[in-house]
Amino acid sequence: MKKTIAIHQPDFMPWLGFFKKVLHSDIFCVLDHVVNNPRDSAFWCRRVKIMLNGKEHWLSIPIKKEKGVVVKPINTMELGENKKALKQIYSAYGKAEYYDDYKYLVEDYFNSDINSLVKRNMNFIEEVLNLLEYNGELVYSSSIVDDKLTSNNMLVKLVKELGGNTYLAGD
């Protein structure tokens, strides 16, 4: 039986291509155990591009910093305070045609008591996947492999462990 696996980090309010990739998979593996530098400007688990006043703008959420720690597994990262992001999203999209229908997604994200970056991002992602009627399985990489594998070896092992014969890569 053919089984397609998609693997991706749990991005902060992901773009359309992320959801397209997941919707085309039988199993979506959340890459939650990999090590990243939370201060890296390209760290997608904490930032997203929005349109603000007709211009592209990076919306970033802060990650709590630990003294002396530069890189850490993303499933151990906690969110810092952010008072501006919800207002920026409202300024950018508050007058959009369907904003009122889906603003709860954004409000739930920023009003959540959950401090875990992965858990909060995944709550948002799972809610969108429910709206999109995703029927596949959702698993977390931390429950399958350890973090000592190199990136390609880790992806191969995840696909094999999940019984996949197709890996859906890229956008």
C-alpha atoms as a PDB file:
ATOM      1  CA  MET A   1       0.000   0.000   0.000  1.00  0.00           C
ATOM      2  CA  LYS A   2       1.342   3.401  -0.985  1.00  0.00           C
ATOM      3  CA  LYS A   3       1.983   5.737   1.953  1.00  0.00           C
ATOM      4  CA  THR A   4       3.144   9.353   1.482  1.00  0.00           C
ATOM      5  CA  ILE A   5       5.031  11.037   4.300  1.00  0.00           C
ATOM      6  CA  ALA A   6       5.498  14.792   4.742  1.00  0.00           C
ATOM      7  CA  ILE A   7       7.981  16.032   7.329  1.00  0.00           C
ATOM      8  CA  HIS A   8       8.249  19.631   8.461  1.00  0.00           C
ATOM      9  CA  GLN A   9       9.080  21.770  11.463  1.00  0.00           C
ATOM     10  CA  PRO A  10       6.038  23.313  13.167  1.00  0.00           C
ATOM     11  CA  ASP A  11       6.261  26.787  11.651  1.00  0.00           C
ATOM     12  CA  PHE A  12       4.657  29.893  13.135  1.00  0.00           C
ATOM     13  CA  MET A  13       1.401  30.538  11.242  1.00  0.00           C
ATOM     14  CA  PRO A  14       2.617  28.728   8.103  1.00  0.00           C
ATOM     15  CA  TRP A  15       2.104  29.746   4.507  1.00  0.00           C
ATOM     16  CA  LEU A  16      -0.254  28.044   2.073  1.00  0.00           C
ATOM     17  CA  GLY A  17       2.438  25.727   0.659  1.00  0.00           C
ATOM     18  CA  PHE A  18       2.954  24.179   4.095  1.00  0.00           C
ATOM     19  CA  PHE A  19      -0.705  23.161   4.304  1.00  0.00           C
ATOM     20  CA  LYS A  20      -0.740  21.956   0.684  1.00  0.00           C
ATOM     21  CA  LYS A  21       2.178  19.666   1.491  1.00  0.00           C
ATOM     22  CA  VAL A  22       0.448  18.265   4.578  1.00  0.00           C
ATOM     23  CA  LEU A  23      -2.860  17.764   2.751  1.00  0.00           C
ATOM     24  CA  HIS A  24      -1.090  15.630   0.143  1.00  0.00           C
ATOM     25  CA  SER A  25       0.365  13.296   2.762  1.00  0.00           C
ATOM     26  CA  ASP A  26      -0.989  10.233   4.501  1.00  0.00           C
ATOM     27  CA  ILE A  27       1.197  10.971   7.519  1.00  0.00           C
ATOM     28  CA  PHE A  28       2.473  14.365   8.582  1.00  0.00           C
ATOM     29  CA  CYS A  29       5.556  14.073  10.772  1.00  0.00           C
ATOM     30  CA  VAL A  30       6.146  17.163  12.900  1.00  0.00           C
ATOM     31  CA  LEU A  31       9.898  17.666  13.083  1.00  0.00           C
ATOM     32  CA  ASP A  32       9.848  18.806  16.696  1.00  0.00           C
ATOM     33  CA  HIS A  33      13.126  17.528  18.126  1.00  0.00           C
ATOM     34  CA  VAL A  34      15.724  19.181  15.893  1.00  0.00           C
ATOM     35  CA  VAL A  35      18.166  21.724  17.261  1.00  0.00           C
ATOM     36  CA  ASN A  36      17.957  25.351  16.126  1.00  0.00           C
ATOM     37  CA  ASN A  37      19.277  28.731  17.109  1.00  0.00           C
ATOM     38  CA  PRO A  38      16.206  30.661  18.303  1.00  0.00           C
ATOM     39  CA  ARG A  39      17.959  33.947  17.499  1.00  0.00           C
ATOM     40  CA  ASP A  40      18.490  32.963  13.864  1.00  0.00           C
ATOM     41  CA  SER A  41      16.518  35.387  11.708  1.00  0.00           C
ATOM     42  CA  ALA A  42      15.601  32.529   9.334  1.00  0.00           C
ATOM     43  CA  PHE A  43      14.083  30.407  12.103  1.00  0.00           C
ATOM     44  CA  TRP A  44      10.595  29.852  10.644  1.00  0.00           C
ATOM     45  CA  CYS A  45       9.121  28.444  13.847  1.00  0.00           C
ATOM     46  CA  ARG A  46       9.094  31.979  15.224  1.00  0.00           C
ATOM     47  CA  ARG A  47       8.472  34.292  12.283  1.00  0.00           C
ATOM     48  CA  VAL A  48       6.174  34.822   9.325  1.00  0.00           C
ATOM     49  CA  LYS A  49       5.924  37.417   6.572  1.00  0.00           C
ATOM     50  CA  ILE A  50       2.749  39.533   6.552  1.00  0.00           C
ATOM     51  CA  MET A  51       1.584  42.516   4.507  1.00  0.00           C
ATOM     52  CA  LEU A  52       1.434  45.629   6.684  1.00  0.00           C
ATOM     53  CA  ASN A  53       0.445  48.959   5.107  1.00  0.00           C
ATOM     54  CA  GLY A  54       1.005  47.473   1.653  1.00  0.00           C
ATOM     55  CA  LYS A  55       4.566  46.359   2.404  1.00  0.00           C
ATOM     56  CA  GLU A  56       6.111  43.044   3.398  1.00  0.00           C
ATOM     57  CA  HIS A  57       6.825  42.890   7.112  1.00  0.00           C
ATOM     58  CA  TRP A  58       8.402  40.155   9.229  1.00  0.00           C
ATOM     59  CA  LEU A  59       6.269  39.315  12.227  1.00  0.00           C
ATOM     60  CA  SER A  60       8.387  37.556  14.834  1.00  0.00           C
ATOM     61  CA  ILE A  61       7.529  36.122  18.195  1.00  0.00           C
ATOM     62  CA  PRO A  62      10.174  36.200  20.922  1.00  0.00           C
ATOM     63  CA  ILE A  63      11.717  33.068  22.368  1.00  0.00           C
ATOM     64  CA  LYS A  64      12.843  33.058  25.999  1.00  0.00           C
ATOM     65  CA  LYS A  65      16.606  33.176  26.175  1.00  0.00           C
ATOM     66  CA  GLU A  66      18.657  31.087  28.548  1.00  0.00           C
ATOM     67  CA  LYS A  67      21.989  32.414  29.656  1.00  0.00           C
ATOM     68  CA  GLY A  68      24.807  30.583  27.891  1.00  0.00           C
ATOM     69  CA  VAL A  69      22.469  28.561  25.621  1.00  0.00           C
ATOM     70  CA  VAL A  70      22.727  29.355  21.932  1.00  0.00           C
ATOM     71  CA  VAL A  71      21.093  26.324  20.286  1.00  0.00           C
ATOM     72  CA  LYS A  72      18.522  23.929  21.674  1.00  0.00           C
ATOM     73  CA  PRO A  73      15.849  21.481  20.504  1.00  0.00           C
ATOM     74  CA  ILE A  74      12.781  23.355  19.331  1.00  0.00           C
ATOM     75  CA  ASN A  75      10.479  21.213  21.486  1.00  0.00           C
ATOM     76  CA  THR A  76      12.165  22.735  24.562  1.00  0.00           C
ATOM     77  CA  MET A  77      11.800  26.385  23.484  1.00  0.00           C
ATOM     78  CA  GLU A  78       9.397  28.654  25.330  1.00  0.00           C
ATOM     79  CA  LEU A  79       7.761  31.823  24.106  1.00  0.00           C
ATOM     80  CA  GLY A  80       8.522  35.233  25.536  1.00  0.00           C
ATOM     81  CA  GLU A  81       6.130  38.162  25.944  1.00  0.00           C
ATOM     82  CA  ASN A  82       4.671  39.714  22.819  1.00  0.00           C
ATOM     83  CA  LYS A  83       2.115  42.478  23.058  1.00  0.00           C
ATOM     84  CA  LYS A  84       2.448  43.878  19.519  1.00  0.00           C
ATOM     85  CA  ALA A  85       1.876  40.896  17.234  1.00  0.00           C
ATOM     86  CA  LEU A  86      -1.897  40.590  17.645  1.00  0.00           C
ATOM     87  CA  LYS A  87      -2.287  44.327  16.980  1.00  0.00           C
ATOM     88  CA  GLN A  88      -0.037  44.093  13.920  1.00  0.00           C
ATOM     89  CA  ILE A  89      -2.093  41.239  12.493  1.00  0.00           C
ATOM     90  CA  TYR A  90      -5.299  43.162  13.107  1.00  0.00           C
ATOM     91  CA  SER A  91      -3.799  46.251  11.418  1.00  0.00           C
ATOM     92  CA  ALA A  92      -2.729  44.155   8.460  1.00  0.00           C
ATOM     93  CA  TYR A  93      -5.843  42.003   8.004  1.00  0.00           C
ATOM     94  CA  GLY A  94      -8.648  43.363  10.209  1.00  0.00           C
ATOM     95  CA  LYS A  95     -10.596  44.663   7.210  1.00  0.00           C
ATOM     96  CA  ALA A  96     -10.064  41.563   5.049  1.00  0.00           C
ATOM     97  CA  GLU A  97     -13.229  39.883   3.811  1.00  0.00           C
ATOM     98  CA  TYR A  98     -13.020  36.745   5.964  1.00  0.00           C
ATOM     99  CA  TYR A  99     -11.020  38.096   8.907  1.00  0.00           C
ATOM    100  CA  ASP A 100     -13.964  37.992  11.341  1.00  0.00           C
ATOM    101  CA  ASP A 101     -14.670  34.356  10.436  1.00  0.00           C
ATOM    102  CA  TYR A 102     -11.144  33.216  11.330  1.00  0.00           C
ATOM    103  CA  LYS A 103      -9.740  35.797  13.736  1.00  0.00           C
ATOM    104  CA  TYR A 104     -10.246  33.320  16.572  1.00  0.00           C
ATOM    105  CA  LEU A 105      -7.288  31.332  15.215  1.00  0.00           C
ATOM    106  CA  VAL A 106      -4.965  34.279  15.718  1.00  0.00           C
ATOM    107  CA  GLU A 107      -6.549  35.375  18.982  1.00  0.00           C
ATOM    108  CA  ASP A 108      -6.350  31.859  20.411  1.00  0.00           C
ATOM    109  CA  TYR A 109      -2.671  31.710  19.470  1.00  0.00           C
ATOM    110  CA  PHE A 110      -1.717  34.953  21.193  1.00  0.00           C
ATOM    111  CA  ASN A 111      -4.066  34.599  24.164  1.00  0.00           C
ATOM    112  CA  SER A 112      -2.974  31.052  24.957  1.00  0.00           C
ATOM    113  CA  ASP A 113      -1.453  30.180  28.335  1.00  0.00           C
ATOM    114  CA  ILE A 114       0.787  27.605  26.647  1.00  0.00           C
ATOM    115  CA  ASN A 115       4.436  28.682  26.746  1.00  0.00           C
ATOM    116  CA  SER A 116       5.814  25.901  24.528  1.00  0.00           C
ATOM    117  CA  LEU A 117       6.654  27.146  21.021  1.00  0.00           C
ATOM    118  CA  VAL A 118       5.933  23.748  19.443  1.00  0.00           C
ATOM    119  CA  LYS A 119       2.661  23.192  21.304  1.00  0.00           C
ATOM    120  CA  ARG A 120       1.317  26.647  20.535  1.00  0.00           C
ATOM    121  CA  ASN A 121       2.330  26.444  16.864  1.00  0.00           C
ATOM    122  CA  MET A 122       0.824  22.970  16.595  1.00  0.00           C
ATOM    123  CA  ASN A 123      -2.473  24.071  18.168  1.00  0.00           C
ATOM    124  CA  PHE A 124      -2.765  26.653  15.387  1.00  0.00           C
ATOM    125  CA  ILE A 125      -1.681  24.200  12.660  1.00  0.00           C
ATOM    126  CA  GLU A 126      -4.034  21.463  13.869  1.00  0.00           C
ATOM    127  CA  GLU A 127      -6.978  23.856  13.955  1.00  0.00           C
ATOM    128  CA  VAL A 128      -6.291  24.898  10.356  1.00  0.00           C
ATOM    129  CA  LEU A 129      -5.897  21.241   9.328  1.00  0.00           C
ATOM    130  CA  ASN A 130      -9.284  20.521  10.923  1.00  0.00           C
ATOM    131  CA  LEU A 131     -10.834  23.343   8.893  1.00  0.00           C
ATOM    132  CA  LEU A 132      -9.208  21.892   5.770  1.00  0.00           C
ATOM    133  CA  GLU A 133     -10.545  18.430   6.716  1.00  0.00           C
ATOM    134  CA  TYR A 134      -7.147  16.725   6.796  1.00  0.00           C
ATOM    135  CA  ASN A 135      -7.720  13.011   7.354  1.00  0.00           C
ATOM    136  CA  GLY A 136      -4.114  11.901   7.623  1.00  0.00           C
ATOM    137  CA  GLU A 137      -2.156  10.914  10.673  1.00  0.00           C
ATOM    138  CA  LEU A 138      -0.060  13.353  12.701  1.00  0.00           C
ATOM    139  CA  VAL A 139       3.090  12.129  14.482  1.00  0.00           C
ATOM    140  CA  TYR A 140       6.043  13.799  16.196  1.00  0.00           C
ATOM    141  CA  SER A 141       9.634  13.036  15.227  1.00  0.00           C
ATOM    142  CA  SER A 142      10.720  13.119  18.882  1.00  0.00           C
ATOM    143  CA  SER A 143       8.762   9.920  19.436  1.00  0.00           C
ATOM    144  CA  ILE A 144      10.540   8.110  16.582  1.00  0.00           C
ATOM    145  CA  VAL A 145      14.224   9.080  16.236  1.00  0.00           C
ATOM    146  CA  ASP A 146      16.974  10.632  18.286  1.00  0.00           C
ATOM    147  CA  ASP A 147      18.669  13.874  17.341  1.00  0.00           C
ATOM    148  CA  LYS A 148      22.109  12.367  16.674  1.00  0.00           C
ATOM    149  CA  LEU A 149      21.310  11.513  13.055  1.00  0.00           C
ATOM    150  CA  THR A 150      22.341  13.817  10.220  1.00  0.00           C
ATOM    151  CA  SER A 151      19.519  15.570   8.395  1.00  0.00           C
ATOM    152  CA  ASN A 152      19.240  13.219   5.396  1.00  0.00           C
ATOM    153  CA  ASN A 153      19.697  10.074   7.489  1.00  0.00           C
ATOM    154  CA  MET A 154      17.077  11.319   9.919  1.00  0.00           C
ATOM    155  CA  LEU A 155      14.541  11.928   7.130  1.00  0.00           C
ATOM    156  CA  VAL A 156      15.190   8.497   5.616  1.00  0.00           C
ATOM    157  CA  LYS A 157      14.788   6.834   9.016  1.00  0.00           C
ATOM    158  CA  LEU A 158      11.538   8.723   9.718  1.00  0.00           C
ATOM    159  CA  VAL A 159      10.032   7.699   6.368  1.00  0.00           C
ATOM    160  CA  LYS A 160      11.061   4.059   6.897  1.00  0.00           C
ATOM    161  CA  GLU A 161       9.844   3.965  10.508  1.00  0.00           C
ATOM    162  CA  LEU A 162       6.484   5.371   9.409  1.00  0.00           C
ATOM    163  CA  GLY A 163       6.128   2.761   6.658  1.00  0.00           C
ATOM    164  CA  GLY A 164       6.298   5.298   3.876  1.00  0.00           C
ATOM    165  CA  ASN A 165       7.339   4.638   0.331  1.00  0.00           C
ATOM    166  CA  THR A 166       7.022   8.263  -0.805  1.00  0.00           C
ATOM    167  CA  TYR A 167       8.594  11.298   0.835  1.00  0.00           C
ATOM    168  CA  LEU A 168       6.944  14.590  -0.039  1.00  0.00           C
ATOM    169  CA  ALA A 169       9.785  17.133   0.005  1.00  0.00           C
ATOM    170  CA  GLY A 170      10.076  20.873  -0.475  1.00  0.00           C
ATOM    171  CA  ASP A 171       7.266  23.351  -0.807  1.00  0.00           C
END
